[in-house]
Amino acid sequence: MQTVRDVMTTNIDVCTTKDNVFEVADKMKKLNVGSIPIVEEGHLIGMITDRDIVVRGVAEKKANSSRVTDVMSSELVTVSATTSVEEAVQMMAHNQVRRLPVVENGKLVGIVSLGDLSTNHLSDQSAGVALTEISEHLH
């Protein structure tokens, strides 16, 4: 059985609660990513996506200097590194998310995304199924 540990990305760039929305958006641009985990002393406390910045920031006319905690998502679906890939795919589909933070003892140790799953030959079919289910729920 393949686990999340086998496919997750471990080299994760993060921001902290001391960062503002502009700093997070700038980091996203430089890294060419659409989400950044927010940590405090290594502990995951939230995620901020480019969509969060648009919907909770720009659309609500918040300043670029707003605290990241004002726009981030704090109710997260997470998995452990020992979670099976199949269970992670089901969680993504059920919760309509494209990435899951991987947490051990409250600390962020990685992220598993649909991209990670699709580049893994043993789980690429599962990634396709999850993407289909996520897309169907959104429309």
N, C-alpha and C. Protein backbone atom coordinates (compact mmCIF):
# COMPACT_ATOMS: atom_id res chain seq x y z
N MET A 1 0.84 -1.18 0.00
CA MET A 1 0.00 0.00 0.00
C MET A 1 0.89 1.25 0.00
N GLN A 2 0.59 2.13 -0.93
CA GLN A 2 1.35 3.37 -1.03
C GLN A 2 0.78 4.40 -0.05
N THR A 3 1.66 5.13 0.62
CA THR A 3 1.22 6.14 1.57
C THR A 3 1.54 7.54 1.06
N VAL A 4 0.98 8.51 1.72
CA VAL A 4 1.22 9.90 1.39
C VAL A 4 2.72 10.21 1.44
N ARG A 5 3.44 9.60 2.37
CA ARG A 5 4.88 9.82 2.49
C ARG A 5 5.61 9.52 1.17
N ASP A 6 5.09 8.54 0.42
CA ASP A 6 5.71 8.13 -0.84
C ASP A 6 5.57 9.15 -1.95
N VAL A 7 4.58 10.03 -1.87
CA VAL A 7 4.29 10.94 -2.98
C VAL A 7 4.31 12.42 -2.61
N MET A 8 4.35 12.74 -1.33
CA MET A 8 4.23 14.14 -0.90
C MET A 8 5.47 14.96 -1.25
N THR A 9 5.26 16.25 -1.33
CA THR A 9 6.35 17.21 -1.50
C THR A 9 6.79 17.64 -0.11
N THR A 10 8.09 17.59 0.14
CA THR A 10 8.59 17.93 1.48
C THR A 10 9.31 19.27 1.53
N ASN A 11 9.72 19.77 0.39
CA ASN A 11 10.42 21.05 0.35
C ASN A 11 9.37 22.16 0.21
N ILE A 12 8.82 22.58 1.34
CA ILE A 12 7.69 23.50 1.35
C ILE A 12 8.12 24.88 1.83
N ASP A 13 7.80 25.89 1.04
CA ASP A 13 8.00 27.27 1.49
C ASP A 13 6.78 27.68 2.28
N VAL A 14 7.00 28.39 3.37
CA VAL A 14 5.91 28.80 4.25
C VAL A 14 5.99 30.28 4.54
N CYS A 15 4.91 30.81 5.10
CA CYS A 15 4.89 32.16 5.65
C CYS A 15 4.43 32.04 7.10
N THR A 16 4.55 33.13 7.82
CA THR A 16 4.13 33.14 9.22
C THR A 16 3.05 34.20 9.42
N THR A 17 2.52 34.26 10.62
CA THR A 17 1.50 35.26 10.94
C THR A 17 2.08 36.67 10.94
N LYS A 18 3.39 36.79 10.92
CA LYS A 18 4.03 38.12 10.86
C LYS A 18 4.02 38.68 9.44
N ASP A 19 3.76 37.83 8.45
CA ASP A 19 3.73 38.28 7.05
C ASP A 19 2.38 38.92 6.74
N ASN A 20 2.40 39.88 5.82
CA ASN A 20 1.14 40.47 5.38
C ASN A 20 0.74 39.89 4.03
N VAL A 21 -0.43 40.26 3.56
CA VAL A 21 -0.98 39.69 2.33
C VAL A 21 -0.06 39.98 1.14
N PHE A 22 0.47 41.18 1.05
CA PHE A 22 1.37 41.51 -0.05
C PHE A 22 2.59 40.59 -0.06
N GLU A 23 3.19 40.37 1.10
CA GLU A 23 4.38 39.50 1.18
C GLU A 23 4.06 38.08 0.74
N VAL A 24 2.90 37.58 1.11
CA VAL A 24 2.50 36.23 0.71
C VAL A 24 2.28 36.18 -0.80
N ALA A 25 1.58 37.17 -1.33
CA ALA A 25 1.32 37.21 -2.78
C ALA A 25 2.63 37.31 -3.56
N ASP A 26 3.55 38.10 -3.07
CA ASP A 26 4.86 38.24 -3.71
C ASP A 26 5.61 36.91 -3.70
N LYS A 27 5.54 36.19 -2.59
CA LYS A 27 6.20 34.88 -2.50
C LYS A 27 5.55 33.90 -3.47
N MET A 28 4.22 33.94 -3.57
CA MET A 28 3.52 33.06 -4.51
C MET A 28 4.00 33.33 -5.93
N LYS A 29 4.12 34.61 -6.27
CA LYS A 29 4.57 34.98 -7.62
C LYS A 29 5.98 34.46 -7.88
N LYS A 30 6.89 34.69 -6.95
CA LYS A 30 8.29 34.28 -7.12
C LYS A 30 8.42 32.76 -7.22
N LEU A 31 7.60 32.03 -6.45
CA LEU A 31 7.67 30.57 -6.44
C LEU A 31 6.77 29.92 -7.49
N ASN A 32 5.93 30.73 -8.12
CA ASN A 32 4.96 30.24 -9.09
C ASN A 32 4.07 29.16 -8.48
N VAL A 33 3.49 29.49 -7.33
CA VAL A 33 2.58 28.58 -6.63
C VAL A 33 1.27 29.31 -6.33
N GLY A 34 0.24 28.54 -6.05
CA GLY A 34 -1.08 29.12 -5.77
C GLY A 34 -1.50 29.04 -4.32
N SER A 35 -0.63 28.48 -3.47
CA SER A 35 -0.96 28.41 -2.04
C SER A 35 0.32 28.37 -1.22
N ILE A 36 0.19 28.87 -0.01
CA ILE A 36 1.31 28.89 0.93
C ILE A 36 0.77 28.52 2.31
N PRO A 37 1.40 27.54 2.98
CA PRO A 37 1.01 27.24 4.35
C PRO A 37 1.45 28.37 5.29
N ILE A 38 0.65 28.60 6.31
CA ILE A 38 0.99 29.58 7.33
C ILE A 38 1.32 28.81 8.61
N VAL A 39 2.51 29.04 9.13
CA VAL A 39 2.96 28.31 10.31
C VAL A 39 3.36 29.27 11.41
N GLU A 40 3.32 28.75 12.61
CA GLU A 40 3.79 29.45 13.79
C GLU A 40 4.64 28.46 14.56
N GLU A 41 5.94 28.73 14.64
CA GLU A 41 6.89 27.83 15.29
C GLU A 41 6.79 26.41 14.73
N GLY A 42 6.65 26.30 13.40
CA GLY A 42 6.59 25.01 12.74
C GLY A 42 5.21 24.37 12.72
N HIS A 43 4.29 24.88 13.53
CA HIS A 43 2.94 24.32 13.60
C HIS A 43 2.05 24.97 12.55
N LEU A 44 1.35 24.15 11.79
CA LEU A 44 0.45 24.63 10.76
C LEU A 44 -0.76 25.28 11.41
N ILE A 45 -1.03 26.55 11.04
CA ILE A 45 -2.21 27.22 11.58
C ILE A 45 -3.18 27.65 10.49
N GLY A 46 -2.73 27.57 9.22
CA GLY A 46 -3.62 27.96 8.13
C GLY A 46 -2.97 27.78 6.78
N MET A 47 -3.76 28.03 5.76
CA MET A 47 -3.27 28.04 4.38
C MET A 47 -3.86 29.28 3.72
N ILE A 48 -3.09 29.86 2.83
CA ILE A 48 -3.61 30.98 2.06
C ILE A 48 -3.40 30.66 0.59
N THR A 49 -4.46 30.83 -0.18
CA THR A 49 -4.40 30.56 -1.61
C THR A 49 -4.57 31.86 -2.37
N ASP A 50 -4.23 31.81 -3.66
CA ASP A 50 -4.44 32.99 -4.48
C ASP A 50 -5.93 33.36 -4.49
N ARG A 51 -6.79 32.37 -4.42
CA ARG A 51 -8.23 32.64 -4.37
C ARG A 51 -8.62 33.33 -3.06
N ASP A 52 -8.02 32.92 -1.94
CA ASP A 52 -8.28 33.59 -0.66
C ASP A 52 -7.93 35.08 -0.75
N ILE A 53 -6.80 35.37 -1.39
CA ILE A 53 -6.36 36.76 -1.52
C ILE A 53 -7.38 37.56 -2.32
N VAL A 54 -7.91 36.97 -3.39
CA VAL A 54 -8.88 37.66 -4.22
C VAL A 54 -10.22 37.80 -3.50
N VAL A 55 -10.74 36.69 -2.97
CA VAL A 55 -12.08 36.70 -2.39
C VAL A 55 -12.15 37.41 -1.03
N ARG A 56 -11.21 37.09 -0.15
CA ARG A 56 -11.25 37.67 1.20
C ARG A 56 -10.42 38.94 1.34
N GLY A 57 -9.59 39.21 0.36
CA GLY A 57 -8.75 40.40 0.41
C GLY A 57 -9.21 41.47 -0.55
N VAL A 58 -8.93 41.28 -1.82
CA VAL A 58 -9.23 42.29 -2.85
C VAL A 58 -10.73 42.58 -2.92
N ALA A 59 -11.56 41.55 -3.00
CA ALA A 59 -13.01 41.77 -3.14
C ALA A 59 -13.62 42.44 -1.92
N GLU A 60 -12.98 42.30 -0.77
CA GLU A 60 -13.47 42.95 0.44
C GLU A 60 -12.72 44.25 0.72
N LYS A 61 -11.93 44.70 -0.28
CA LYS A 61 -11.21 45.97 -0.23
C LYS A 61 -10.26 46.08 0.95
N LYS A 62 -9.61 44.94 1.28
CA LYS A 62 -8.61 44.96 2.34
C LYS A 62 -7.27 45.42 1.76
N ALA A 63 -6.52 46.12 2.56
CA ALA A 63 -5.22 46.63 2.12
C ALA A 63 -4.22 45.49 1.94
N ASN A 64 -3.26 45.71 1.06
CA ASN A 64 -2.19 44.73 0.88
C ASN A 64 -1.41 44.49 2.16
N SER A 65 -1.45 45.46 3.05
CA SER A 65 -0.73 45.34 4.32
C SER A 65 -1.54 44.59 5.38
N SER A 66 -2.71 44.07 5.01
CA SER A 66 -3.54 43.32 5.95
C SER A 66 -2.80 42.09 6.44
N ARG A 67 -3.10 41.71 7.65
CA ARG A 67 -2.49 40.51 8.23
C ARG A 67 -2.93 39.28 7.44
N VAL A 68 -2.02 38.35 7.29
CA VAL A 68 -2.33 37.11 6.57
C VAL A 68 -3.47 36.36 7.25
N THR A 69 -3.59 36.48 8.56
CA THR A 69 -4.66 35.80 9.29
C THR A 69 -6.04 36.34 8.93
N ASP A 70 -6.10 37.54 8.32
CA ASP A 70 -7.39 38.11 7.92
C ASP A 70 -7.95 37.46 6.65
N VAL A 71 -7.11 36.79 5.87
CA VAL A 71 -7.58 36.22 4.62
C VAL A 71 -7.33 34.72 4.49
N MET A 72 -6.53 34.14 5.35
CA MET A 72 -6.20 32.72 5.22
C MET A 72 -7.36 31.83 5.65
N SER A 73 -7.28 30.59 5.22
CA SER A 73 -8.22 29.56 5.68
C SER A 73 -7.61 28.89 6.90
N SER A 74 -8.36 28.81 7.97
CA SER A 74 -7.80 28.21 9.19
C SER A 74 -8.43 26.86 9.52
N GLU A 75 -9.55 26.54 8.90
CA GLU A 75 -10.16 25.23 9.10
C GLU A 75 -9.69 24.34 7.96
N LEU A 76 -8.67 23.53 8.25
CA LEU A 76 -8.01 22.76 7.21
C LEU A 76 -8.28 21.28 7.33
N VAL A 77 -8.26 20.63 6.20
CA VAL A 77 -8.29 19.18 6.14
C VAL A 77 -6.84 18.75 5.98
N THR A 78 -6.34 17.93 6.90
CA THR A 78 -4.95 17.50 6.85
C THR A 78 -4.88 15.98 6.88
N VAL A 79 -3.70 15.46 6.54
CA VAL A 79 -3.45 14.03 6.61
C VAL A 79 -2.11 13.82 7.29
N SER A 80 -1.87 12.58 7.70
CA SER A 80 -0.55 12.23 8.22
C SER A 80 0.23 11.55 7.10
N ALA A 81 1.52 11.43 7.26
CA ALA A 81 2.37 10.82 6.25
C ALA A 81 2.03 9.34 6.05
N THR A 82 1.41 8.73 7.04
CA THR A 82 1.09 7.30 6.94
C THR A 82 -0.29 7.04 6.33
N THR A 83 -1.03 8.09 6.01
CA THR A 83 -2.32 7.95 5.36
C THR A 83 -2.12 7.30 3.99
N SER A 84 -2.99 6.39 3.62
CA SER A 84 -2.86 5.76 2.31
C SER A 84 -3.18 6.79 1.22
N VAL A 85 -2.58 6.59 0.05
CA VAL A 85 -2.84 7.47 -1.08
C VAL A 85 -4.32 7.42 -1.44
N GLU A 86 -4.91 6.25 -1.38
CA GLU A 86 -6.33 6.11 -1.71
C GLU A 86 -7.21 6.94 -0.77
N GLU A 87 -6.88 6.91 0.53
CA GLU A 87 -7.66 7.70 1.49
C GLU A 87 -7.46 9.19 1.24
N ALA A 88 -6.24 9.60 0.93
CA ALA A 88 -5.97 11.01 0.64
C ALA A 88 -6.77 11.48 -0.58
N VAL A 89 -6.83 10.65 -1.61
CA VAL A 89 -7.59 10.99 -2.81
C VAL A 89 -9.07 11.14 -2.46
N GLN A 90 -9.59 10.23 -1.66
CA GLN A 90 -10.99 10.31 -1.25
C GLN A 90 -11.25 11.59 -0.46
N MET A 91 -10.31 11.95 0.41
CA MET A 91 -10.45 13.18 1.21
C MET A 91 -10.45 14.41 0.31
N MET A 92 -9.56 14.42 -0.69
CA MET A 92 -9.52 15.55 -1.63
C MET A 92 -10.85 15.68 -2.36
N ALA A 93 -11.35 14.57 -2.86
CA ALA A 93 -12.61 14.60 -3.60
C ALA A 93 -13.77 15.02 -2.69
N HIS A 94 -13.86 14.44 -1.51
CA HIS A 94 -14.96 14.74 -0.60
C HIS A 94 -14.96 16.20 -0.15
N ASN A 95 -13.76 16.73 0.11
CA ASN A 95 -13.64 18.10 0.62
C ASN A 95 -13.39 19.13 -0.48
N GLN A 96 -13.36 18.68 -1.74
CA GLN A 96 -13.18 19.56 -2.89
C GLN A 96 -11.91 20.40 -2.77
N VAL A 97 -10.80 19.75 -2.44
CA VAL A 97 -9.51 20.44 -2.35
C VAL A 97 -8.50 19.75 -3.25
N ARG A 98 -7.54 20.51 -3.71
CA ARG A 98 -6.53 19.99 -4.63
C ARG A 98 -5.21 19.70 -3.93
N ARG A 99 -5.13 20.04 -2.65
CA ARG A 99 -3.91 19.75 -1.90
C ARG A 99 -4.25 19.54 -0.43
N LEU A 100 -3.48 18.69 0.21
CA LEU A 100 -3.66 18.40 1.63
C LEU A 100 -2.33 18.61 2.36
N PRO A 101 -2.33 19.44 3.39
CA PRO A 101 -1.12 19.54 4.20
C PRO A 101 -0.90 18.22 4.95
N VAL A 102 0.36 17.85 5.07
CA VAL A 102 0.73 16.63 5.78
C VAL A 102 1.32 17.06 7.11
N VAL A 103 0.70 16.61 8.19
CA VAL A 103 1.04 17.09 9.53
C VAL A 103 1.38 15.90 10.43
N GLU A 104 2.44 16.04 11.19
CA GLU A 104 2.84 15.07 12.21
C GLU A 104 3.05 15.82 13.52
N ASN A 105 2.32 15.45 14.56
CA ASN A 105 2.39 16.13 15.86
C ASN A 105 2.17 17.63 15.73
N GLY A 106 1.24 18.02 14.87
CA GLY A 106 0.90 19.42 14.69
C GLY A 106 1.85 20.20 13.79
N LYS A 107 2.96 19.59 13.41
CA LYS A 107 3.95 20.29 12.58
C LYS A 107 3.81 19.88 11.12
N LEU A 108 3.95 20.87 10.25
CA LEU A 108 3.88 20.64 8.82
C LEU A 108 5.12 19.89 8.35
N VAL A 109 4.92 18.75 7.69
CA VAL A 109 6.05 17.96 7.18
C VAL A 109 6.01 17.83 5.66
N GLY A 110 4.91 18.27 5.03
CA GLY A 110 4.81 18.20 3.59
C GLY A 110 3.43 18.57 3.11
N ILE A 111 3.27 18.46 1.80
CA ILE A 111 1.96 18.67 1.17
C ILE A 111 1.81 17.63 0.08
N VAL A 112 0.63 17.07 -0.02
CA VAL A 112 0.33 16.17 -1.13
C VAL A 112 -0.73 16.87 -1.98
N SER A 113 -0.44 16.95 -3.27
CA SER A 113 -1.34 17.64 -4.18
C SER A 113 -1.76 16.71 -5.30
N LEU A 114 -2.77 17.14 -6.04
CA LEU A 114 -3.16 16.37 -7.22
C LEU A 114 -1.98 16.24 -8.17
N GLY A 115 -1.16 17.28 -8.25
CA GLY A 115 0.04 17.22 -9.09
C GLY A 115 0.99 16.13 -8.64
N ASP A 116 1.19 16.00 -7.32
CA ASP A 116 2.05 14.93 -6.80
C ASP A 116 1.49 13.57 -7.18
N LEU A 117 0.19 13.44 -7.07
CA LEU A 117 -0.45 12.16 -7.38
C LEU A 117 -0.38 11.85 -8.87
N SER A 118 -0.53 12.88 -9.70
CA SER A 118 -0.56 12.64 -11.14
C SER A 118 0.81 12.31 -11.71
N THR A 119 1.89 12.71 -11.03
CA THR A 119 3.22 12.39 -11.52
C THR A 119 3.71 11.05 -11.00
N ASN A 120 2.94 10.43 -10.13
CA ASN A 120 3.29 9.13 -9.59
C ASN A 120 2.52 8.07 -10.36
N HIS A 121 3.22 7.20 -11.06
CA HIS A 121 2.56 6.25 -11.95
C HIS A 121 1.61 5.29 -11.24
N LEU A 122 1.79 5.08 -9.94
CA LEU A 122 0.90 4.17 -9.22
C LEU A 122 -0.40 4.85 -8.80
N SER A 123 -0.39 6.19 -8.81
CA SER A 123 -1.59 6.87 -8.31
C SER A 123 -2.17 7.85 -9.32
N ASP A 124 -1.64 7.91 -10.55
CA ASP A 124 -2.12 8.90 -11.50
C ASP A 124 -3.59 8.71 -11.86
N GLN A 125 -4.07 7.48 -11.88
CA GLN A 125 -5.49 7.25 -12.16
C GLN A 125 -6.34 7.78 -11.01
N SER A 126 -5.86 7.62 -9.77
CA SER A 126 -6.58 8.15 -8.61
C SER A 126 -6.67 9.66 -8.67
N ALA A 127 -5.60 10.30 -9.11
CA ALA A 127 -5.60 11.76 -9.22
C ALA A 127 -6.66 12.21 -10.23
N GLY A 128 -6.76 11.50 -11.33
CA GLY A 128 -7.77 11.83 -12.33
C GLY A 128 -9.18 11.69 -11.80
N VAL A 129 -9.40 10.64 -11.04
CA VAL A 129 -10.71 10.43 -10.42
C VAL A 129 -11.03 11.55 -9.45
N ALA A 130 -10.06 11.92 -8.61
CA ALA A 130 -10.27 12.99 -7.63
C ALA A 130 -10.56 14.31 -8.34
N LEU A 131 -9.79 14.63 -9.38
CA LEU A 131 -10.01 15.88 -10.10
C LEU A 131 -11.40 15.91 -10.72
N THR A 132 -11.84 14.80 -11.28
CA THR A 132 -13.17 14.72 -11.85
C THR A 132 -14.23 14.99 -10.79
N GLU A 133 -14.07 14.35 -9.62
CA GLU A 133 -15.05 14.54 -8.54
C GLU A 133 -15.04 15.96 -8.01
N ILE A 134 -13.85 16.56 -7.89
CA ILE A 134 -13.75 17.95 -7.42
C ILE A 134 -14.43 18.86 -8.41
N SER A 135 -14.16 18.67 -9.70
CA SER A 135 -14.73 19.51 -10.74
C SER A 135 -16.24 19.36 -10.81
N GLU A 136 -16.75 18.13 -10.67
CA GLU A 136 -18.19 17.92 -10.71
C GLU A 136 -18.89 18.62 -9.57
N HIS A 137 -18.29 18.63 -8.38
CA HIS A 137 -18.91 19.27 -7.23
C HIS A 137 -18.91 20.79 -7.37
N LEU A 138 -17.95 21.31 -8.11
CA LEU A 138 -17.87 22.76 -8.26
C LEU A 138 -18.84 23.31 -9.28
N HIS A 139 -19.38 22.46 -10.16
CA HIS A 139 -20.27 22.93 -11.22
C HIS A 139 -21.68 22.47 -11.02
